[in-house]
Amino acid sequence: MKKGFFCYFAIIIALACPGISQAKETRVSAGGSPKVINFGALPDVQALPVFVASQKGYFKEAGLSVNVVRFNSAMERDVALSAGRLDGYFGDLASPMVLYANGVAIKIAATIFETPKNQRMFAILASPKHKGISLEELAKEGISLSSNTIVEYLAVRLLESRGIDPKRVTFIEIKNIPIRLQMLLSAQVPAAILAEPLATFAEQKGAKAVIDDAGADLSSTVLCFHKNFLERYGSAATAFFRAINRAVEEINSHPAENRLIMNKECRIPETMQTTFPVPRFPVLGVPNERHVRDVSRWLKGKGIIKRNLSYKEMVAGGYIP
């Protein structure tokens, strides 16, 4: 495993040990049903149905008490799950695989978002001073990203789709996303990979998208639960997903009415709050088996996990209504 991931999980273990038993004691009612479901979410546009279901009372109407716990980083979220403070969370495909490979019994139970052909979620952008350069030339000069993450996986697969060997690409490590954006716009880096809405924001400031993930089947985001929660409270997980599907229907039918929730919870830049399109969401489904296996192989090839994880190990079916 890469050195960075040793450090990452050392922090998780150190922070997770205190208070695990207390978290388990307080989340179960006397009747054996979950007293409250603690569900972690990041301020990502793809997580919008979680926020809508919470704020519009859909979880409550499904008979659930759901505490949506907001995190600023995936690391903070993973620490909380490992410590027993979360029952589940929203995230990308790679994060639960890395947790599972390191002994955390997490299961992917549903896909909440996939990029259709007319809608992107990630893009590789050329800086305003490099926007006349081809993707192949940009790859040689340097693309900034966060290595050993789903973002690097996306960059590699997008470049490969254009026949560019990732071994011949210069990747520039910039984990901090606002700094990556700033360095792109100031042409301190030739190119960067950014998620929405920052990709659109960068374009408005003069950057140019040279390739994106629209229709590429590479950017699935998922809803995960701890294995113990699913085994004990499977009906609650199904009710949770029923509420999410109701939120999906609400967003797709009335996007304008849900813009305020998106602007606040997904941190849409102020200058884009009236123009950035509210995404359309699919009804929940199980992850694509080919995609799960591909991400697992990539993680193993990078040395982030020690073996390929099977689809059965990672995906828990049967909970989507």
Protein backbone atom coordinates (compact mmCIF):
# COMPACT_ATOMS: atom_id res chain seq x y z
CA MET A 1 0.00 0.00 0.00
CA LYS A 2 1.22 3.48 -0.80
CA LYS A 3 2.81 5.51 2.01
CA GLY A 4 0.04 8.12 1.87
CA PHE A 5 -2.59 5.48 2.52
CA PHE A 6 -0.65 4.04 5.47
CA CYS A 7 -0.72 7.51 7.03
CA TYR A 8 -4.38 7.95 6.11
CA PHE A 9 -5.51 4.77 7.85
CA ALA A 10 -3.18 5.29 10.79
CA ILE A 11 -5.07 8.53 11.42
CA ILE A 12 -8.41 6.79 11.00
CA ILE A 13 -7.48 4.04 13.48
CA ALA A 14 -6.10 6.54 16.00
CA LEU A 15 -9.20 8.70 15.86
CA ALA A 16 -11.66 5.83 15.61
CA CYS A 17 -10.72 3.91 18.74
CA PRO A 18 -12.19 6.25 21.39
CA GLY A 19 -15.97 6.28 21.65
CA ILE A 20 -16.90 3.41 19.37
CA SER A 21 -18.98 1.62 21.98
CA GLN A 22 -20.72 4.83 23.00
CA ALA A 23 -21.84 5.48 19.41
CA LYS A 24 -23.33 1.99 19.20
CA GLU A 25 -25.12 2.33 22.53
CA THR A 26 -26.96 5.52 21.65
CA ARG A 27 -28.29 4.79 18.16
CA VAL A 28 -30.59 1.82 18.94
CA SER A 29 -34.09 2.16 20.39
CA ALA A 30 -35.54 -0.22 22.94
CA GLY A 31 -37.60 -1.87 20.21
CA GLY A 32 -34.52 -2.93 18.24
CA SER A 33 -35.10 -0.53 15.35
CA PRO A 34 -32.62 2.26 14.59
CA LYS A 35 -33.29 5.19 16.88
CA VAL A 36 -31.51 7.44 14.41
CA ILE A 37 -29.60 6.82 11.19
CA ASN A 38 -26.41 8.87 11.06
CA PHE A 39 -25.62 9.36 7.39
CA GLY A 40 -22.53 11.20 6.13
CA ALA A 41 -22.57 13.50 3.12
CA LEU A 42 -20.13 15.80 1.35
CA PRO A 43 -21.19 19.12 -0.24
CA ASP A 44 -21.29 17.53 -3.71
CA VAL A 45 -23.98 18.18 -6.31
CA GLN A 46 -24.48 14.41 -6.68
CA ALA A 47 -25.60 14.24 -3.03
CA LEU A 48 -28.52 16.62 -3.60
CA PRO A 49 -31.26 13.93 -3.19
CA VAL A 50 -29.95 13.19 0.33
CA PHE A 51 -30.30 16.86 1.31
CA VAL A 52 -33.73 17.18 -0.33
CA ALA A 53 -35.05 14.03 1.38
CA SER A 54 -33.86 15.39 4.71
CA GLN A 55 -35.11 18.96 4.37
CA LYS A 56 -38.47 18.09 2.80
CA GLY A 57 -39.29 15.49 5.44
CA TYR A 58 -39.22 12.43 3.19
CA PHE A 59 -37.15 10.41 5.65
CA LYS A 60 -39.55 11.26 8.46
CA GLU A 61 -42.56 10.29 6.33
CA ALA A 62 -40.82 6.97 5.63
CA GLY A 63 -40.76 6.33 9.39
CA LEU A 64 -37.09 7.17 9.85
CA SER A 65 -35.08 9.59 11.93
CA VAL A 66 -32.09 10.50 9.76
CA ASN A 67 -29.30 12.77 10.88
CA VAL A 68 -27.42 13.96 7.79
CA VAL A 69 -23.88 14.64 8.99
CA ARG A 70 -22.03 17.09 6.76
CA PHE A 71 -18.29 16.73 6.15
CA ASN A 72 -15.80 18.93 4.33
CA SER A 73 -13.54 16.06 3.28
CA ALA A 74 -13.74 12.35 2.52
CA MET A 75 -11.08 11.69 5.14
CA GLU A 76 -13.19 13.22 7.94
CA ARG A 77 -16.16 11.18 6.75
CA ASP A 78 -14.19 7.93 6.64
CA VAL A 79 -12.81 8.53 10.12
CA ALA A 80 -16.36 8.97 11.41
CA LEU A 81 -17.57 5.76 9.76
CA SER A 82 -14.59 3.79 11.08
CA ALA A 83 -15.24 5.16 14.58
CA GLY A 84 -18.84 3.93 14.54
CA ARG A 85 -20.30 7.43 14.41
CA LEU A 86 -21.94 6.84 11.02
CA ASP A 87 -24.24 4.11 9.77
CA GLY A 88 -23.63 4.96 6.15
CA TYR A 89 -22.51 7.63 3.73
CA PHE A 90 -22.51 9.13 0.24
CA GLY A 91 -19.27 8.82 -1.74
CA ASP A 92 -17.41 7.65 -4.80
CA LEU A 93 -16.72 4.02 -5.74
CA ALA A 94 -13.09 3.96 -4.63
CA SER A 95 -13.46 5.12 -1.01
CA PRO A 96 -15.53 2.19 0.28
CA MET A 97 -13.22 -0.26 -1.48
CA VAL A 98 -10.19 1.18 0.31
CA LEU A 99 -12.03 1.07 3.63
CA TYR A 100 -13.17 -2.51 3.04
CA ALA A 101 -9.65 -3.60 2.12
CA ASN A 102 -8.49 -2.17 5.45
CA GLY A 103 -10.99 -4.07 7.58
CA VAL A 104 -14.00 -1.75 7.68
CA ALA A 105 -17.17 -3.73 6.94
CA ILE A 106 -18.80 -1.31 4.51
CA LYS A 107 -21.10 -2.23 1.63
CA ILE A 108 -22.16 -0.32 -1.47
CA ALA A 109 -25.94 -0.58 -1.57
CA ALA A 110 -27.04 1.80 -4.34
CA THR A 111 -25.85 4.08 -7.14
CA ILE A 112 -27.24 7.60 -6.76
CA PHE A 113 -25.70 9.29 -9.81
CA GLU A 114 -24.10 8.43 -13.15
CA THR A 115 -23.20 10.92 -15.87
CA PRO A 116 -25.57 10.74 -18.86
CA LYS A 117 -24.41 11.72 -22.33
CA ASN A 118 -25.67 15.29 -21.99
CA GLN A 119 -24.42 15.98 -18.49
CA ARG A 120 -20.88 16.01 -17.14
CA MET A 121 -19.63 15.91 -13.57
CA PHE A 122 -15.83 16.06 -14.07
CA ALA A 123 -13.70 17.72 -16.71
CA ILE A 124 -10.03 18.17 -17.55
CA LEU A 125 -9.57 21.87 -18.28
CA ALA A 126 -6.77 23.84 -19.90
CA SER A 127 -5.74 27.07 -18.21
CA PRO A 128 -6.72 30.35 -19.91
CA LYS A 129 -3.14 30.61 -21.27
CA HIS A 130 -3.04 27.00 -22.50
CA LYS A 131 -6.49 26.59 -24.03
CA GLY A 132 -5.19 26.32 -27.60
CA ILE A 133 -3.08 23.27 -26.73
CA SER A 134 -4.23 19.72 -27.52
CA LEU A 135 -5.08 17.23 -24.80
CA GLU A 136 -1.97 15.19 -25.64
CA GLU A 137 0.25 18.26 -25.28
CA LEU A 138 -1.44 19.22 -22.02
CA ALA A 139 -0.88 15.71 -20.70
CA LYS A 140 2.84 16.05 -21.34
CA GLU A 141 3.05 19.53 -19.78
CA GLY A 142 1.05 18.61 -16.68
CA ILE A 143 -2.44 17.93 -15.31
CA SER A 144 -3.06 18.76 -11.66
CA LEU A 145 -5.14 16.43 -9.53
CA SER A 146 -5.23 14.48 -6.27
CA SER A 147 -3.31 11.23 -6.73
CA ASN A 148 -4.46 7.79 -5.55
CA THR A 149 -8.09 8.93 -5.57
CA ILE A 150 -11.11 8.47 -7.83
CA VAL A 151 -10.06 11.74 -9.48
CA GLU A 152 -6.82 10.17 -10.71
CA TYR A 153 -8.76 7.09 -11.85
CA LEU A 154 -11.06 9.35 -13.89
CA ALA A 155 -8.16 11.25 -15.41
CA VAL A 156 -6.38 8.02 -16.39
CA ARG A 157 -9.45 6.48 -17.99
CA LEU A 158 -10.40 9.69 -19.84
CA LEU A 159 -6.89 10.02 -21.25
CA GLU A 160 -6.84 6.35 -22.25
CA SER A 161 -10.11 6.91 -24.13
CA ARG A 162 -8.17 9.31 -26.37
CA GLY A 163 -5.29 6.88 -26.83
CA ILE A 164 -2.97 8.66 -24.38
CA ASP A 165 -0.78 6.36 -22.29
CA PRO A 166 -1.01 7.48 -18.62
CA LYS A 167 2.64 6.46 -18.15
CA ARG A 168 3.57 9.31 -20.46
CA VAL A 169 1.46 11.88 -18.59
CA THR A 170 2.81 14.41 -16.11
CA PHE A 171 0.50 14.50 -13.09
CA ILE A 172 0.92 17.43 -10.72
CA GLU A 173 -0.16 16.71 -7.13
CA ILE A 174 -2.52 19.40 -5.77
CA LYS A 175 -4.94 17.86 -3.28
CA ASN A 176 -6.51 21.13 -2.14
CA ILE A 177 -9.29 21.82 -4.65
CA PRO A 178 -9.53 25.64 -4.24
CA ILE A 179 -5.75 25.89 -4.68
CA ARG A 180 -5.94 23.63 -7.75
CA LEU A 181 -8.61 25.92 -9.22
CA GLN A 182 -6.61 29.05 -8.42
CA MET A 183 -3.42 27.64 -9.95
CA LEU A 184 -5.32 26.62 -13.09
CA LEU A 185 -6.84 30.07 -13.58
CA SER A 186 -3.50 31.79 -12.98
CA ALA A 187 -1.79 29.36 -15.41
CA GLN A 188 0.59 28.10 -12.73
CA VAL A 189 -0.42 24.65 -14.02
CA PRO A 190 -1.28 23.91 -17.67
CA ALA A 191 -4.37 21.85 -16.84
CA ALA A 192 -6.46 20.47 -13.98
CA ILE A 193 -9.30 18.04 -13.39
CA LEU A 194 -12.23 19.59 -11.53
CA ALA A 195 -15.73 18.51 -10.56
CA GLU A 196 -18.90 20.50 -11.10
CA PRO A 197 -19.75 23.24 -10.34
CA LEU A 198 -16.10 24.35 -10.26
CA ALA A 199 -15.50 23.07 -13.80
CA THR A 200 -18.17 25.44 -15.11
CA PHE A 201 -16.88 28.24 -12.87
CA ALA A 202 -13.37 27.76 -14.31
CA GLU A 203 -14.77 27.96 -17.85
CA GLN A 204 -16.50 31.23 -16.98
CA LYS A 205 -13.09 32.55 -15.88
CA GLY A 206 -11.41 31.64 -19.16
CA ALA A 207 -10.38 27.98 -18.82
CA LYS A 208 -11.42 25.48 -21.50
CA ALA A 209 -12.70 21.94 -20.99
CA VAL A 210 -10.78 19.60 -23.29
CA ILE A 211 -12.47 16.36 -22.21
CA ASP A 212 -15.18 15.42 -19.72
CA ASP A 213 -16.96 12.38 -18.31
CA ALA A 214 -20.39 12.88 -19.91
CA GLY A 215 -21.66 9.46 -20.93
CA ALA A 216 -18.36 7.78 -20.07
CA ASP A 217 -19.74 5.53 -17.28
CA LEU A 218 -16.80 6.46 -15.07
CA SER A 219 -18.20 8.76 -12.38
CA SER A 220 -20.73 6.74 -10.41
CA THR A 221 -21.44 8.00 -6.91
CA VAL A 222 -22.93 5.62 -4.39
CA LEU A 223 -24.77 5.22 -1.11
CA CYS A 224 -23.07 2.91 1.37
CA PHE A 225 -24.00 1.36 4.70
CA HIS A 226 -22.07 -0.53 7.30
CA LYS A 227 -22.59 -4.28 6.84
CA ASN A 228 -23.85 -4.67 10.42
CA PHE A 229 -26.49 -1.99 9.85
CA LEU A 230 -27.78 -3.68 6.70
CA GLU A 231 -27.95 -7.07 8.39
CA ARG A 232 -29.81 -5.71 11.41
CA TYR A 233 -31.92 -2.96 9.84
CA GLY A 234 -32.47 -4.01 6.23
CA SER A 235 -36.04 -2.70 6.19
CA ALA A 236 -34.81 0.69 7.41
CA ALA A 237 -32.27 0.79 4.56
CA THR A 238 -35.08 0.06 2.09
CA ALA A 239 -37.19 2.86 3.60
CA PHE A 240 -34.17 5.16 3.35
CA PHE A 241 -33.80 4.39 -0.36
CA ARG A 242 -37.54 4.85 -0.91
CA ALA A 243 -37.20 8.37 0.49
CA ILE A 244 -34.20 9.05 -1.75
CA ASN A 245 -36.14 7.94 -4.83
CA ARG A 246 -38.95 10.27 -3.80
CA ALA A 247 -36.40 13.11 -3.59
CA VAL A 248 -35.11 12.17 -7.06
CA GLU A 249 -38.62 12.44 -8.47
CA GLU A 250 -39.10 15.80 -6.73
CA ILE A 251 -35.81 17.22 -8.07
CA ASN A 252 -36.45 16.05 -11.63
CA SER A 253 -40.05 17.32 -11.62
CA HIS A 254 -39.39 20.67 -9.90
CA PRO A 255 -35.74 21.63 -10.34
CA ALA A 256 -36.30 25.35 -9.75
CA GLU A 257 -38.01 24.68 -6.41
CA ASN A 258 -34.97 22.75 -5.19
CA ARG A 259 -32.33 25.22 -6.36
CA LEU A 260 -32.06 26.92 -2.95
CA ILE A 261 -31.24 23.60 -1.28
CA MET A 262 -28.63 22.88 -3.95
CA ASN A 263 -27.08 26.34 -3.67
CA LYS A 264 -26.71 26.06 0.10
CA GLU A 265 -25.83 22.40 0.64
CA CYS A 266 -23.72 21.87 -2.47
CA ARG A 267 -21.87 25.17 -2.15
CA ILE A 268 -22.65 26.60 -5.56
CA PRO A 269 -20.54 29.75 -6.15
CA GLU A 270 -22.61 32.90 -5.72
CA THR A 271 -22.14 33.99 -9.32
CA MET A 272 -23.64 30.69 -10.54
CA GLN A 273 -26.55 30.29 -8.18
CA THR A 274 -29.18 31.29 -10.74
CA THR A 275 -27.57 29.73 -13.81
CA PHE A 276 -25.91 26.44 -12.87
CA PRO A 277 -28.36 23.70 -13.95
CA VAL A 278 -29.94 21.50 -11.31
CA PRO A 279 -28.85 17.97 -12.31
CA ARG A 280 -31.29 15.27 -13.31
CA PHE A 281 -30.96 12.12 -11.24
CA PRO A 282 -31.72 8.50 -12.14
CA VAL A 283 -33.77 6.31 -9.85
CA LEU A 284 -31.52 4.31 -7.56
CA GLY A 285 -29.92 1.19 -8.95
CA VAL A 286 -27.11 -1.21 -8.10
CA PRO A 287 -23.60 -0.36 -9.33
CA ASN A 288 -22.43 -1.60 -12.70
CA GLU A 289 -20.37 -4.76 -12.15
CA ARG A 290 -17.85 -3.91 -14.87
CA HIS A 291 -17.25 -0.49 -13.32
CA VAL A 292 -16.81 -1.89 -9.79
CA ARG A 293 -14.28 -4.44 -11.04
CA ASP A 294 -12.41 -1.82 -13.06
CA VAL A 295 -12.02 0.52 -10.08
CA SER A 296 -10.87 -2.43 -7.94
CA ARG A 297 -8.25 -3.44 -10.53
CA TRP A 298 -7.00 0.13 -10.77
CA LEU A 299 -6.67 0.43 -6.98
CA LYS A 300 -4.73 -2.85 -6.86
CA GLY A 301 -2.52 -1.79 -9.76
CA LYS A 302 -1.65 1.38 -7.87
CA GLY A 303 -0.79 -0.62 -4.76
CA ILE A 304 -3.58 1.05 -2.77
CA ILE A 305 -5.25 -2.28 -2.01
CA LYS A 306 -3.52 -5.67 -1.91
CA ARG A 307 -5.97 -7.74 -3.95
CA ASN A 308 -8.85 -7.38 -6.36
CA LEU A 309 -12.19 -7.13 -4.56
CA SER A 310 -15.09 -9.06 -6.00
CA TYR A 311 -18.45 -7.52 -6.83
CA LYS A 312 -20.13 -9.73 -4.20
CA GLU A 313 -17.74 -8.53 -1.52
CA MET A 314 -18.43 -4.87 -2.19
CA VAL A 315 -22.06 -4.67 -3.30
CA ALA A 316 -25.10 -5.52 -1.17
CA GLY A 317 -28.14 -6.08 -3.37
CA GLY A 318 -31.78 -6.43 -2.44
CA TYR A 319 -32.31 -3.21 -0.48
CA ILE A 320 -33.56 -0.88 -3.24
CA PRO A 321 -37.38 -0.82 -3.31
